N, C-alpha and C. Protein backbone atom coordinates (compact mmCIF):
# COMPACT_ATOMS: atom_id res chain seq x y z
N MET A 1 -69.70 -22.35 256.66
CA MET A 1 -71.15 -22.50 256.60
C MET A 1 -71.59 -23.62 257.56
N GLY A 2 -72.64 -23.31 258.35
CA GLY A 2 -73.15 -24.32 259.28
C GLY A 2 -74.26 -25.14 258.65
N ILE A 3 -74.98 -25.86 259.50
CA ILE A 3 -76.13 -26.64 259.06
C ILE A 3 -77.26 -25.66 258.77
N LYS A 4 -77.72 -25.63 257.52
CA LYS A 4 -78.75 -24.67 257.12
C LYS A 4 -80.15 -25.19 257.50
N ILE A 5 -80.85 -24.40 258.31
CA ILE A 5 -82.14 -24.81 258.84
C ILE A 5 -83.27 -23.90 258.34
N LEU A 6 -84.38 -24.53 257.94
CA LEU A 6 -85.62 -23.80 257.64
C LEU A 6 -86.63 -24.20 258.71
N ILE A 7 -87.25 -23.22 259.36
CA ILE A 7 -88.24 -23.48 260.41
C ILE A 7 -89.64 -23.30 259.81
N ALA A 8 -90.49 -24.33 259.96
CA ALA A 8 -91.86 -24.24 259.46
C ALA A 8 -92.84 -24.48 260.61
N ASP A 9 -93.52 -23.43 261.02
CA ASP A 9 -94.49 -23.52 262.12
C ASP A 9 -95.44 -22.34 262.00
N ASP A 10 -96.74 -22.58 262.26
CA ASP A 10 -97.70 -21.50 262.09
C ASP A 10 -97.77 -20.57 263.30
N HIS A 11 -97.08 -20.93 264.38
CA HIS A 11 -97.06 -20.05 265.55
C HIS A 11 -95.78 -19.23 265.58
N LYS A 12 -95.93 -17.92 265.51
CA LYS A 12 -94.76 -17.04 265.45
C LYS A 12 -93.89 -17.15 266.70
N VAL A 13 -94.54 -17.34 267.86
CA VAL A 13 -93.79 -17.46 269.11
C VAL A 13 -92.86 -18.67 269.05
N VAL A 14 -93.35 -19.78 268.49
CA VAL A 14 -92.53 -20.99 268.36
C VAL A 14 -91.37 -20.73 267.40
N ARG A 15 -91.68 -20.12 266.25
CA ARG A 15 -90.63 -19.83 265.27
C ARG A 15 -89.54 -18.93 265.87
N ARG A 16 -89.96 -17.89 266.57
CA ARG A 16 -89.00 -16.96 267.16
C ARG A 16 -88.15 -17.63 268.24
N GLY A 17 -88.83 -18.47 269.05
CA GLY A 17 -88.11 -19.18 270.11
C GLY A 17 -87.04 -20.09 269.54
N LEU A 18 -87.40 -20.85 268.50
CA LEU A 18 -86.44 -21.74 267.85
C LEU A 18 -85.31 -20.93 267.21
N TYR A 19 -85.69 -19.82 266.57
CA TYR A 19 -84.69 -18.98 265.90
C TYR A 19 -83.65 -18.46 266.88
N PHE A 20 -84.12 -17.87 267.98
CA PHE A 20 -83.19 -17.26 268.93
C PHE A 20 -82.33 -18.29 269.65
N PHE A 21 -82.89 -19.49 269.88
CA PHE A 21 -82.08 -20.51 270.54
C PHE A 21 -81.06 -21.12 269.57
N LEU A 22 -81.53 -21.51 268.40
CA LEU A 22 -80.64 -22.21 267.46
C LEU A 22 -79.52 -21.32 266.93
N ARG A 23 -79.78 -20.03 266.84
CA ARG A 23 -78.74 -19.13 266.33
C ARG A 23 -77.57 -19.01 267.30
N THR A 24 -77.74 -19.49 268.55
CA THR A 24 -76.63 -19.47 269.51
C THR A 24 -75.66 -20.63 269.26
N GLN A 25 -76.06 -21.56 268.40
CA GLN A 25 -75.19 -22.70 268.09
C GLN A 25 -74.28 -22.34 266.91
N GLU A 26 -72.99 -22.49 267.11
CA GLU A 26 -72.02 -22.06 266.10
C GLU A 26 -72.15 -22.79 264.77
N ASP A 27 -72.62 -24.05 264.81
CA ASP A 27 -72.67 -24.85 263.59
C ASP A 27 -74.06 -24.88 262.94
N ILE A 28 -74.96 -24.00 263.39
CA ILE A 28 -76.32 -23.96 262.84
C ILE A 28 -76.64 -22.56 262.31
N GLU A 29 -77.20 -22.52 261.11
CA GLU A 29 -77.57 -21.25 260.48
C GLU A 29 -79.05 -21.30 260.07
N ILE A 30 -79.86 -20.38 260.55
CA ILE A 30 -81.28 -20.31 260.19
C ILE A 30 -81.39 -19.54 258.87
N VAL A 31 -81.86 -20.21 257.83
CA VAL A 31 -81.91 -19.56 256.51
C VAL A 31 -83.30 -19.03 256.16
N GLY A 32 -84.32 -19.46 256.92
CA GLY A 32 -85.66 -18.97 256.61
C GLY A 32 -86.72 -19.50 257.56
N GLU A 33 -87.91 -18.89 257.49
CA GLU A 33 -89.05 -19.30 258.31
C GLU A 33 -90.29 -19.36 257.43
N ALA A 34 -91.11 -20.39 257.67
CA ALA A 34 -92.38 -20.54 256.93
C ALA A 34 -93.51 -20.66 257.94
N GLU A 35 -94.67 -20.06 257.62
CA GLU A 35 -95.78 -20.11 258.57
C GLU A 35 -96.85 -21.13 258.18
N ASN A 36 -96.64 -21.84 257.07
CA ASN A 36 -97.54 -22.94 256.70
C ASN A 36 -96.81 -23.90 255.77
N GLY A 37 -97.44 -25.04 255.51
CA GLY A 37 -96.80 -26.07 254.69
C GLY A 37 -96.53 -25.64 253.27
N LYS A 38 -97.45 -24.88 252.70
CA LYS A 38 -97.27 -24.43 251.32
C LYS A 38 -96.05 -23.53 251.20
N GLU A 39 -95.90 -22.60 252.15
CA GLU A 39 -94.74 -21.71 252.13
C GLU A 39 -93.46 -22.50 252.36
N ALA A 40 -93.55 -23.55 253.17
CA ALA A 40 -92.37 -24.39 253.44
C ALA A 40 -91.88 -25.06 252.15
N THR A 41 -92.81 -25.52 251.32
CA THR A 41 -92.41 -26.16 250.05
C THR A 41 -91.75 -25.15 249.12
N GLN A 42 -92.28 -23.93 249.11
CA GLN A 42 -91.71 -22.88 248.25
C GLN A 42 -90.31 -22.46 248.72
N LEU A 43 -90.16 -22.27 250.03
CA LEU A 43 -88.87 -21.85 250.57
C LEU A 43 -87.84 -22.98 250.49
N ALA A 44 -88.30 -24.20 250.59
CA ALA A 44 -87.37 -25.34 250.46
C ALA A 44 -86.72 -25.32 249.09
N ALA A 45 -87.52 -25.09 248.05
CA ALA A 45 -87.00 -25.05 246.68
C ALA A 45 -86.09 -23.84 246.47
N GLU A 46 -86.44 -22.73 247.13
CA GLU A 46 -85.69 -21.49 246.93
C GLU A 46 -84.40 -21.45 247.74
N LEU A 47 -84.45 -21.90 248.98
CA LEU A 47 -83.32 -21.75 249.91
C LEU A 47 -82.43 -22.99 250.01
N LYS A 48 -82.95 -24.14 249.61
CA LYS A 48 -82.21 -25.41 249.67
C LYS A 48 -81.56 -25.63 251.05
N PRO A 49 -82.37 -25.68 252.11
CA PRO A 49 -81.80 -25.93 253.44
C PRO A 49 -81.31 -27.37 253.56
N ASP A 50 -80.46 -27.62 254.55
CA ASP A 50 -80.04 -29.00 254.82
C ASP A 50 -81.15 -29.75 255.55
N ILE A 51 -81.80 -29.03 256.48
CA ILE A 51 -82.83 -29.64 257.33
C ILE A 51 -84.00 -28.67 257.49
N ILE A 52 -85.21 -29.23 257.52
CA ILE A 52 -86.41 -28.44 257.82
C ILE A 52 -86.99 -28.95 259.13
N LEU A 53 -87.21 -28.03 260.08
CA LEU A 53 -87.96 -28.36 261.30
C LEU A 53 -89.42 -28.09 260.97
N MET A 54 -90.22 -29.15 260.90
CA MET A 54 -91.57 -29.06 260.34
C MET A 54 -92.65 -29.37 261.38
N ASP A 55 -93.53 -28.41 261.62
CA ASP A 55 -94.70 -28.64 262.46
C ASP A 55 -95.69 -29.49 261.66
N VAL A 56 -96.62 -30.15 262.36
CA VAL A 56 -97.60 -30.99 261.66
C VAL A 56 -98.86 -30.19 261.33
N MET A 57 -99.49 -29.61 262.34
CA MET A 57 -100.76 -28.92 262.13
C MET A 57 -100.52 -27.47 261.71
N MET A 58 -100.66 -27.23 260.40
CA MET A 58 -100.49 -25.88 259.85
C MET A 58 -101.57 -25.62 258.81
N PRO A 59 -101.94 -24.35 258.60
CA PRO A 59 -102.96 -24.02 257.59
C PRO A 59 -102.43 -24.19 256.16
N GLU A 60 -103.37 -24.20 255.22
CA GLU A 60 -103.10 -24.30 253.78
C GLU A 60 -102.56 -25.66 253.37
N MET A 61 -101.49 -26.11 254.01
CA MET A 61 -100.96 -27.45 253.76
C MET A 61 -100.31 -27.92 255.06
N ASN A 62 -100.70 -29.11 255.55
CA ASN A 62 -100.12 -29.56 256.81
C ASN A 62 -98.68 -30.05 256.61
N GLY A 63 -97.99 -30.27 257.71
CA GLY A 63 -96.58 -30.62 257.65
C GLY A 63 -96.30 -31.96 257.01
N ILE A 64 -97.21 -32.91 257.17
CA ILE A 64 -97.01 -34.24 256.57
C ILE A 64 -97.11 -34.16 255.05
N GLU A 65 -98.11 -33.45 254.57
CA GLU A 65 -98.26 -33.27 253.12
C GLU A 65 -97.09 -32.48 252.55
N ALA A 66 -96.67 -31.46 253.27
CA ALA A 66 -95.52 -30.66 252.82
C ALA A 66 -94.25 -31.51 252.77
N THR A 67 -94.09 -32.39 253.76
CA THR A 67 -92.93 -33.30 253.78
C THR A 67 -92.92 -34.18 252.54
N LYS A 68 -94.08 -34.72 252.21
CA LYS A 68 -94.20 -35.61 251.05
C LYS A 68 -93.83 -34.86 249.76
N VAL A 69 -94.35 -33.65 249.61
CA VAL A 69 -94.08 -32.85 248.41
C VAL A 69 -92.59 -32.52 248.30
N ILE A 70 -92.01 -32.10 249.42
CA ILE A 70 -90.59 -31.71 249.42
C ILE A 70 -89.69 -32.90 249.13
N LYS A 71 -89.96 -34.05 249.75
CA LYS A 71 -89.12 -35.23 249.55
C LYS A 71 -89.19 -35.76 248.13
N GLU A 72 -90.35 -35.57 247.48
CA GLU A 72 -90.49 -36.00 246.08
C GLU A 72 -89.66 -35.13 245.15
N LYS A 73 -89.62 -33.83 245.44
CA LYS A 73 -88.92 -32.89 244.56
C LYS A 73 -87.46 -32.66 244.97
N LEU A 74 -87.22 -32.69 246.27
CA LEU A 74 -85.88 -32.38 246.80
C LEU A 74 -85.49 -33.45 247.83
N PRO A 75 -85.19 -34.65 247.37
CA PRO A 75 -84.96 -35.79 248.28
C PRO A 75 -83.76 -35.63 249.22
N ASP A 76 -82.82 -34.74 248.89
CA ASP A 76 -81.64 -34.58 249.73
C ASP A 76 -81.91 -33.76 250.99
N ILE A 77 -83.02 -33.01 250.99
CA ILE A 77 -83.36 -32.23 252.18
C ILE A 77 -83.92 -33.17 253.25
N LYS A 78 -83.38 -33.05 254.45
CA LYS A 78 -83.85 -33.89 255.55
C LYS A 78 -84.90 -33.13 256.36
N ILE A 79 -85.92 -33.84 256.79
CA ILE A 79 -87.02 -33.20 257.51
C ILE A 79 -87.21 -33.81 258.88
N ILE A 80 -87.21 -32.95 259.90
CA ILE A 80 -87.48 -33.37 261.27
C ILE A 80 -88.85 -32.83 261.65
N ILE A 81 -89.78 -33.72 261.93
CA ILE A 81 -91.09 -33.28 262.41
C ILE A 81 -90.94 -32.84 263.86
N LEU A 82 -91.39 -31.62 264.15
CA LEU A 82 -91.32 -31.07 265.51
C LEU A 82 -92.75 -30.69 265.90
N THR A 83 -93.36 -31.50 266.75
CA THR A 83 -94.79 -31.35 267.00
C THR A 83 -95.15 -31.70 268.44
N SER A 84 -96.41 -31.48 268.79
CA SER A 84 -96.91 -31.85 270.12
C SER A 84 -97.54 -33.24 270.09
N PHE A 85 -97.71 -33.80 268.90
CA PHE A 85 -98.43 -35.07 268.75
C PHE A 85 -97.47 -36.25 268.65
N SER A 86 -97.70 -37.28 269.50
CA SER A 86 -96.87 -38.48 269.42
C SER A 86 -97.70 -39.70 269.06
N ASP A 87 -99.00 -39.52 268.75
CA ASP A 87 -99.86 -40.67 268.44
C ASP A 87 -99.58 -41.22 267.05
N GLN A 88 -99.98 -42.46 266.84
CA GLN A 88 -99.68 -43.17 265.59
C GLN A 88 -100.33 -42.52 264.37
N ASP A 89 -101.43 -41.80 264.57
CA ASP A 89 -102.10 -41.15 263.44
C ASP A 89 -101.25 -40.03 262.84
N HIS A 90 -100.30 -39.54 263.60
CA HIS A 90 -99.40 -38.50 263.08
C HIS A 90 -98.01 -39.07 262.77
N VAL A 91 -97.53 -39.95 263.65
CA VAL A 91 -96.16 -40.48 263.50
C VAL A 91 -96.01 -41.30 262.23
N ILE A 92 -96.91 -42.26 262.04
CA ILE A 92 -96.77 -43.18 260.91
C ILE A 92 -96.86 -42.47 259.56
N PRO A 93 -97.87 -41.59 259.35
CA PRO A 93 -97.90 -40.85 258.07
C PRO A 93 -96.67 -39.99 257.85
N ALA A 94 -96.12 -39.42 258.93
CA ALA A 94 -94.93 -38.56 258.80
C ALA A 94 -93.73 -39.37 258.34
N ILE A 95 -93.53 -40.54 258.92
CA ILE A 95 -92.40 -41.40 258.54
C ILE A 95 -92.60 -41.89 257.10
N LYS A 96 -93.82 -42.27 256.77
CA LYS A 96 -94.10 -42.73 255.40
C LYS A 96 -93.89 -41.61 254.39
N ALA A 97 -94.14 -40.38 254.80
CA ALA A 97 -93.97 -39.23 253.90
C ALA A 97 -92.50 -38.94 253.64
N GLY A 98 -91.62 -39.47 254.51
CA GLY A 98 -90.19 -39.29 254.28
C GLY A 98 -89.43 -38.54 255.36
N ALA A 99 -90.10 -38.27 256.50
CA ALA A 99 -89.40 -37.58 257.60
C ALA A 99 -88.27 -38.45 258.13
N THR A 100 -87.12 -37.83 258.39
CA THR A 100 -85.96 -38.55 258.93
C THR A 100 -85.98 -38.55 260.45
N GLY A 101 -86.61 -37.53 261.04
CA GLY A 101 -86.68 -37.44 262.49
C GLY A 101 -88.07 -37.06 262.93
N TYR A 102 -88.40 -37.42 264.17
CA TYR A 102 -89.69 -37.07 264.74
C TYR A 102 -89.45 -36.70 266.20
N GLN A 103 -89.59 -35.42 266.51
CA GLN A 103 -89.27 -34.94 267.85
C GLN A 103 -90.46 -34.16 268.41
N LEU A 104 -90.64 -34.22 269.73
CA LEU A 104 -91.75 -33.52 270.37
C LEU A 104 -91.33 -32.14 270.85
N LYS A 105 -92.29 -31.22 270.89
CA LYS A 105 -91.98 -29.83 271.23
C LYS A 105 -91.57 -29.63 272.68
N ASP A 106 -91.85 -30.63 273.54
CA ASP A 106 -91.42 -30.48 274.93
C ASP A 106 -89.99 -31.01 275.15
N VAL A 107 -89.30 -31.28 274.04
CA VAL A 107 -87.93 -31.79 274.11
C VAL A 107 -87.01 -30.74 274.75
N GLU A 108 -85.99 -31.22 275.46
CA GLU A 108 -84.98 -30.30 275.99
C GLU A 108 -84.23 -29.67 274.82
N PRO A 109 -83.92 -28.38 274.90
CA PRO A 109 -83.23 -27.69 273.80
C PRO A 109 -81.96 -28.39 273.33
N ASP A 110 -81.15 -28.86 274.28
CA ASP A 110 -79.90 -29.53 273.91
C ASP A 110 -80.17 -30.83 273.15
N GLU A 111 -81.28 -31.51 273.50
CA GLU A 111 -81.64 -32.75 272.82
C GLU A 111 -82.07 -32.46 271.38
N LEU A 112 -82.75 -31.33 271.18
CA LEU A 112 -83.16 -30.94 269.83
C LEU A 112 -81.92 -30.67 268.97
N VAL A 113 -80.95 -29.97 269.53
CA VAL A 113 -79.70 -29.70 268.80
C VAL A 113 -79.01 -31.02 268.44
N LYS A 114 -78.99 -31.94 269.38
CA LYS A 114 -78.38 -33.26 269.14
C LYS A 114 -79.10 -33.98 268.00
N THR A 115 -80.43 -33.90 268.00
CA THR A 115 -81.23 -34.52 266.93
C THR A 115 -80.87 -33.91 265.58
N ILE A 116 -80.78 -32.58 265.53
CA ILE A 116 -80.44 -31.88 264.28
C ILE A 116 -79.09 -32.35 263.76
N ARG A 117 -78.11 -32.39 264.65
CA ARG A 117 -76.76 -32.81 264.22
C ARG A 117 -76.74 -34.26 263.77
N ASN A 118 -77.44 -35.14 264.50
CA ASN A 118 -77.48 -36.55 264.12
C ASN A 118 -78.12 -36.75 262.75
N VAL A 119 -79.24 -36.08 262.53
CA VAL A 119 -79.94 -36.19 261.24
C VAL A 119 -79.07 -35.64 260.12
N TYR A 120 -78.39 -34.54 260.37
CA TYR A 120 -77.51 -33.94 259.36
C TYR A 120 -76.41 -34.92 258.95
N HIS A 121 -75.94 -35.71 259.91
CA HIS A 121 -74.85 -36.66 259.64
C HIS A 121 -75.36 -38.03 259.20
N GLY A 122 -76.64 -38.10 258.81
CA GLY A 122 -77.16 -39.33 258.20
C GLY A 122 -77.83 -40.30 259.15
N GLN A 123 -77.99 -39.92 260.40
CA GLN A 123 -78.66 -40.80 261.35
C GLN A 123 -80.15 -40.44 261.43
N ASN A 124 -80.94 -41.37 261.97
CA ASN A 124 -82.36 -41.09 262.11
C ASN A 124 -82.69 -40.96 263.59
N HIS A 125 -83.78 -40.27 263.89
CA HIS A 125 -84.14 -40.09 265.29
C HIS A 125 -85.65 -39.97 265.43
N VAL A 126 -86.24 -40.90 266.18
CA VAL A 126 -87.67 -40.85 266.48
C VAL A 126 -87.80 -40.82 268.00
N HIS A 127 -88.53 -39.84 268.52
CA HIS A 127 -88.73 -39.69 269.96
C HIS A 127 -89.26 -41.01 270.54
N PRO A 128 -88.74 -41.46 271.69
CA PRO A 128 -89.16 -42.74 272.28
C PRO A 128 -90.67 -42.89 272.43
N LYS A 129 -91.36 -41.80 272.81
CA LYS A 129 -92.81 -41.89 272.97
C LYS A 129 -93.49 -42.14 271.63
N ALA A 130 -93.00 -41.48 270.59
CA ALA A 130 -93.55 -41.68 269.24
C ALA A 130 -93.22 -43.10 268.75
N MET A 131 -92.00 -43.56 269.03
CA MET A 131 -91.59 -44.90 268.64
C MET A 131 -92.48 -45.94 269.29
N SER A 132 -92.79 -45.75 270.59
CA SER A 132 -93.61 -46.71 271.31
C SER A 132 -95.01 -46.81 270.73
N HIS A 133 -95.58 -45.67 270.30
CA HIS A 133 -96.90 -45.68 269.64
C HIS A 133 -96.83 -46.44 268.32
N MET A 134 -95.74 -46.26 267.59
CA MET A 134 -95.59 -46.95 266.31
C MET A 134 -95.49 -48.45 266.51
N MET A 135 -94.68 -48.86 267.48
CA MET A 135 -94.47 -50.28 267.71
C MET A 135 -95.75 -50.97 268.17
N SER A 136 -96.55 -50.28 269.00
CA SER A 136 -97.79 -50.89 269.48
C SER A 136 -98.82 -51.00 268.35
N HIS A 137 -98.68 -50.14 267.36
CA HIS A 137 -99.61 -50.16 266.22
C HIS A 137 -99.25 -51.25 265.22
N MET A 138 -97.96 -51.50 265.08
CA MET A 138 -97.51 -52.44 264.06
C MET A 138 -97.73 -53.89 264.53
N THR A 139 -98.16 -54.73 263.62
CA THR A 139 -98.31 -56.15 263.92
C THR A 139 -97.54 -56.96 262.91
N ASP A 140 -97.03 -58.10 263.35
CA ASP A 140 -96.27 -58.95 262.44
C ASP A 140 -97.18 -59.55 261.38
N ASN A 141 -96.64 -59.75 260.20
CA ASN A 141 -97.38 -60.50 259.19
C ASN A 141 -96.40 -61.32 258.37
N SER A 142 -96.91 -62.40 257.77
CA SER A 142 -96.05 -63.37 257.10
C SER A 142 -95.36 -62.77 255.88
N GLU A 143 -96.01 -61.81 255.23
CA GLU A 143 -95.41 -61.19 254.05
C GLU A 143 -94.12 -60.46 254.42
N GLU A 144 -94.13 -59.73 255.52
CA GLU A 144 -92.93 -59.03 255.96
C GLU A 144 -91.86 -60.01 256.42
N ASP A 145 -92.29 -61.11 257.04
CA ASP A 145 -91.33 -62.14 257.46
C ASP A 145 -90.60 -62.72 256.25
N ASN A 146 -91.33 -62.88 255.16
CA ASN A 146 -90.72 -63.40 253.93
C ASN A 146 -89.69 -62.41 253.38
N LEU A 147 -89.98 -61.11 253.51
CA LEU A 147 -89.03 -60.10 253.05
C LEU A 147 -87.74 -60.17 253.85
N VAL A 148 -87.87 -60.38 255.14
CA VAL A 148 -86.70 -60.47 256.02
C VAL A 148 -85.79 -61.61 255.58
N GLU A 149 -86.39 -62.72 255.18
CA GLU A 149 -85.62 -63.90 254.79
C GLU A 149 -84.77 -63.66 253.54
N GLN A 150 -85.11 -62.62 252.77
CA GLN A 150 -84.35 -62.31 251.55
C GLN A 150 -83.02 -61.62 251.87
N LEU A 151 -82.89 -61.07 253.09
CA LEU A 151 -81.67 -60.35 253.44
C LEU A 151 -80.51 -61.31 253.68
N THR A 152 -79.34 -60.93 253.19
CA THR A 152 -78.13 -61.71 253.44
C THR A 152 -77.65 -61.44 254.87
N LYS A 153 -76.70 -62.26 255.33
CA LYS A 153 -76.15 -62.10 256.67
C LYS A 153 -75.54 -60.70 256.82
N ARG A 154 -74.79 -60.27 255.81
CA ARG A 154 -74.14 -58.96 255.87
C ARG A 154 -75.17 -57.83 255.87
N GLU A 155 -76.23 -57.98 255.07
CA GLU A 155 -77.28 -56.96 255.03
C GLU A 155 -77.97 -56.83 256.38
N ARG A 156 -78.14 -57.96 257.07
CA ARG A 156 -78.74 -57.92 258.41
C ARG A 156 -77.81 -57.20 259.39
N GLU A 157 -76.52 -57.41 259.23
CA GLU A 157 -75.54 -56.73 260.09
C GLU A 157 -75.60 -55.22 259.87
N VAL A 158 -75.68 -54.82 258.60
CA VAL A 158 -75.76 -53.39 258.27
C VAL A 158 -77.06 -52.80 258.82
N LEU A 159 -78.16 -53.55 258.67
CA LEU A 159 -79.45 -53.08 259.17
C LEU A 159 -79.42 -52.90 260.69
N SER A 160 -78.76 -53.81 261.38
CA SER A 160 -78.61 -53.71 262.82
C SER A 160 -77.86 -52.44 263.21
N GLU A 161 -76.83 -52.11 262.44
CA GLU A 161 -76.05 -50.89 262.70
C GLU A 161 -76.88 -49.64 262.43
N ILE A 162 -77.71 -49.68 261.38
CA ILE A 162 -78.60 -48.55 261.07
C ILE A 162 -79.54 -48.30 262.26
N THR A 163 -80.03 -49.39 262.84
CA THR A 163 -80.94 -49.29 263.98
C THR A 163 -80.27 -48.62 265.17
N ASN A 164 -78.97 -48.78 265.26
CA ASN A 164 -78.21 -48.14 266.34
C ASN A 164 -77.90 -46.68 266.05
N GLY A 165 -78.41 -46.19 264.90
CA GLY A 165 -78.26 -44.77 264.57
C GLY A 165 -76.92 -44.41 263.98
N LYS A 166 -76.19 -45.41 263.45
CA LYS A 166 -74.85 -45.13 262.92
C LYS A 166 -74.90 -44.61 261.49
N SER A 167 -73.96 -43.76 261.14
CA SER A 167 -73.83 -43.25 259.78
C SER A 167 -73.13 -44.30 258.92
N ASN A 168 -73.11 -44.10 257.60
CA ASN A 168 -72.44 -45.05 256.71
C ASN A 168 -70.97 -45.22 257.06
N LYS A 169 -70.32 -44.11 257.39
CA LYS A 169 -68.90 -44.16 257.74
C LYS A 169 -68.68 -44.98 259.01
N GLU A 170 -69.54 -44.77 260.01
CA GLU A 170 -69.43 -45.52 261.26
C GLU A 170 -69.70 -47.01 261.05
N ILE A 171 -70.66 -47.31 260.18
CA ILE A 171 -70.96 -48.72 259.87
C ILE A 171 -69.77 -49.37 259.17
N ALA A 172 -69.17 -48.63 258.23
CA ALA A 172 -68.01 -49.14 257.51
C ALA A 172 -66.87 -49.47 258.47
N ASP A 173 -66.61 -48.57 259.41
CA ASP A 173 -65.55 -48.79 260.40
C ASP A 173 -65.86 -49.99 261.28
N SER A 174 -67.13 -50.09 261.69
CA SER A 174 -67.54 -51.16 262.60
C SER A 174 -67.44 -52.54 261.94
N LEU A 175 -67.81 -52.63 260.66
CA LEU A 175 -67.84 -53.92 259.96
C LEU A 175 -66.59 -54.16 259.12
N ASN A 176 -65.68 -53.18 259.17
CA ASN A 176 -64.42 -53.30 258.43
C ASN A 176 -64.63 -53.47 256.92
N ILE A 177 -65.53 -52.65 256.37
CA ILE A 177 -65.78 -52.63 254.93
C ILE A 177 -65.75 -51.18 254.46
N THR A 178 -65.79 -50.95 253.15
CA THR A 178 -65.71 -49.58 252.64
C THR A 178 -67.07 -48.89 252.76
N GLU A 179 -67.05 -47.56 252.78
CA GLU A 179 -68.29 -46.79 252.85
C GLU A 179 -69.14 -47.02 251.61
N LYS A 180 -68.48 -47.20 250.47
CA LYS A 180 -69.20 -47.47 249.21
C LYS A 180 -69.96 -48.78 249.31
N THR A 181 -69.33 -49.79 249.92
CA THR A 181 -69.98 -51.09 250.10
C THR A 181 -71.20 -50.95 251.01
N VAL A 182 -71.06 -50.14 252.05
CA VAL A 182 -72.19 -49.91 252.97
C VAL A 182 -73.36 -49.30 252.21
N LYS A 183 -73.08 -48.31 251.36
CA LYS A 183 -74.14 -47.65 250.58
C LYS A 183 -74.86 -48.66 249.70
N THR A 184 -74.09 -49.60 249.12
CA THR A 184 -74.69 -50.64 248.27
C THR A 184 -75.61 -51.53 249.11
N HIS A 185 -75.14 -51.93 250.29
CA HIS A 185 -75.95 -52.78 251.17
C HIS A 185 -77.23 -52.06 251.59
N VAL A 186 -77.11 -50.77 251.94
CA VAL A 186 -78.28 -49.99 252.36
C VAL A 186 -79.31 -49.92 251.23
N SER A 187 -78.81 -49.68 250.02
CA SER A 187 -79.69 -49.62 248.84
C SER A 187 -80.40 -50.95 248.64
N ASN A 188 -79.67 -52.06 248.79
CA ASN A 188 -80.26 -53.40 248.63
C ASN A 188 -81.30 -53.68 249.71
N ILE A 189 -80.99 -53.26 250.93
CA ILE A 189 -81.92 -53.47 252.05
C ILE A 189 -83.24 -52.76 251.79
N LEU A 190 -83.15 -51.48 251.40
CA LEU A 190 -84.37 -50.69 251.14
C LEU A 190 -85.18 -51.30 250.00
N SER A 191 -84.48 -51.77 248.99
CA SER A 191 -85.15 -52.37 247.83
C SER A 191 -85.86 -53.67 248.21
N LYS A 192 -85.16 -54.54 248.93
CA LYS A 192 -85.72 -55.85 249.31
C LYS A 192 -86.90 -55.72 250.28
N LEU A 193 -86.83 -54.73 251.15
CA LEU A 193 -87.89 -54.56 252.16
C LEU A 193 -88.98 -53.59 251.72
N ASN A 194 -88.84 -53.06 250.51
CA ASN A 194 -89.82 -52.10 249.97
C ASN A 194 -89.98 -50.87 250.88
N LEU A 195 -88.83 -50.34 251.32
CA LEU A 195 -88.84 -49.19 252.21
C LEU A 195 -88.24 -47.97 251.51
N ALA A 196 -88.59 -46.78 252.01
CA ALA A 196 -88.17 -45.54 251.34
C ALA A 196 -86.83 -45.01 251.85
N ASP A 197 -86.55 -45.20 253.15
CA ASP A 197 -85.34 -44.59 253.69
C ASP A 197 -84.86 -45.31 254.94
N ARG A 198 -83.77 -44.82 255.52
CA ARG A 198 -83.14 -45.45 256.67
C ARG A 198 -84.04 -45.45 257.91
N THR A 199 -84.83 -44.39 258.07
CA THR A 199 -85.71 -44.32 259.23
C THR A 199 -86.72 -45.46 259.21
N GLN A 200 -87.32 -45.69 258.05
CA GLN A 200 -88.27 -46.79 257.91
C GLN A 200 -87.57 -48.14 258.13
N ALA A 201 -86.33 -48.24 257.65
CA ALA A 201 -85.56 -49.48 257.82
C ALA A 201 -85.30 -49.74 259.30
N ALA A 202 -84.95 -48.69 260.05
CA ALA A 202 -84.68 -48.84 261.48
C ALA A 202 -85.94 -49.29 262.23
N LEU A 203 -87.08 -48.70 261.88
CA LEU A 203 -88.34 -49.07 262.52
C LEU A 203 -88.72 -50.51 262.17
N PHE A 204 -88.49 -50.89 260.92
CA PHE A 204 -88.76 -52.26 260.47
C PHE A 204 -87.93 -53.24 261.28
N ALA A 205 -86.65 -52.91 261.48
CA ALA A 205 -85.73 -53.80 262.20
C ALA A 205 -86.15 -53.97 263.65
N VAL A 206 -86.58 -52.86 264.28
CA VAL A 206 -87.04 -52.92 265.67
C VAL A 206 -88.27 -53.81 265.77
N LYS A 207 -89.16 -53.64 264.83
CA LYS A 207 -90.41 -54.42 264.82
C LYS A 207 -90.14 -55.91 264.72
N HIS A 208 -89.12 -56.28 263.92
CA HIS A 208 -88.84 -57.71 263.69
C HIS A 208 -87.67 -58.23 264.52
N ASN A 209 -87.25 -57.43 265.50
CA ASN A 209 -86.17 -57.86 266.39
C ASN A 209 -84.91 -58.27 265.64
N LEU A 210 -84.54 -57.48 264.61
CA LEU A 210 -83.35 -57.81 263.83
C LEU A 210 -82.11 -57.17 264.45
């Protein structure tokens, strides 16, 4: 069994294009297609995909709202936003809703496959253009600086590795600790910084130069 993918996009041409390209990859299996956010939430519960490629602008329920609903009910499903929009009005709500990746539709096909595989293996991926909009929007504040000070030296090291896109196993190897210990540190980091997931943690670290 390969990486199970659900495609959610209201344009049939986009869905078909993704379907025919991704099915050429030996380790990827397309399990379903949704034409709006509401259908995506229903198929997510029914098909239990590993990853959902989610468009933002869709009828009935947009991709950001659908992401929020799915992550609340099925937190193990990873969601990659695949859209034409890189502005902060779309990027920030998507990340807050729980998206693990944010990729633009003009991405090279091979880069999209790389993003899918990275996200499947526990890494996060935000397109550089989208990241730049997020960073320009974010401003430092003393409350967040105080949160940073609560992190231990080891937690900062783990956070730095997360920012480099490493999986728990890779972090464990790099810091010469067990994978279980890494999971504990990640959990503590998210708790101390009031963040929902690794993607938010990576963005937080970039913002504060950690």
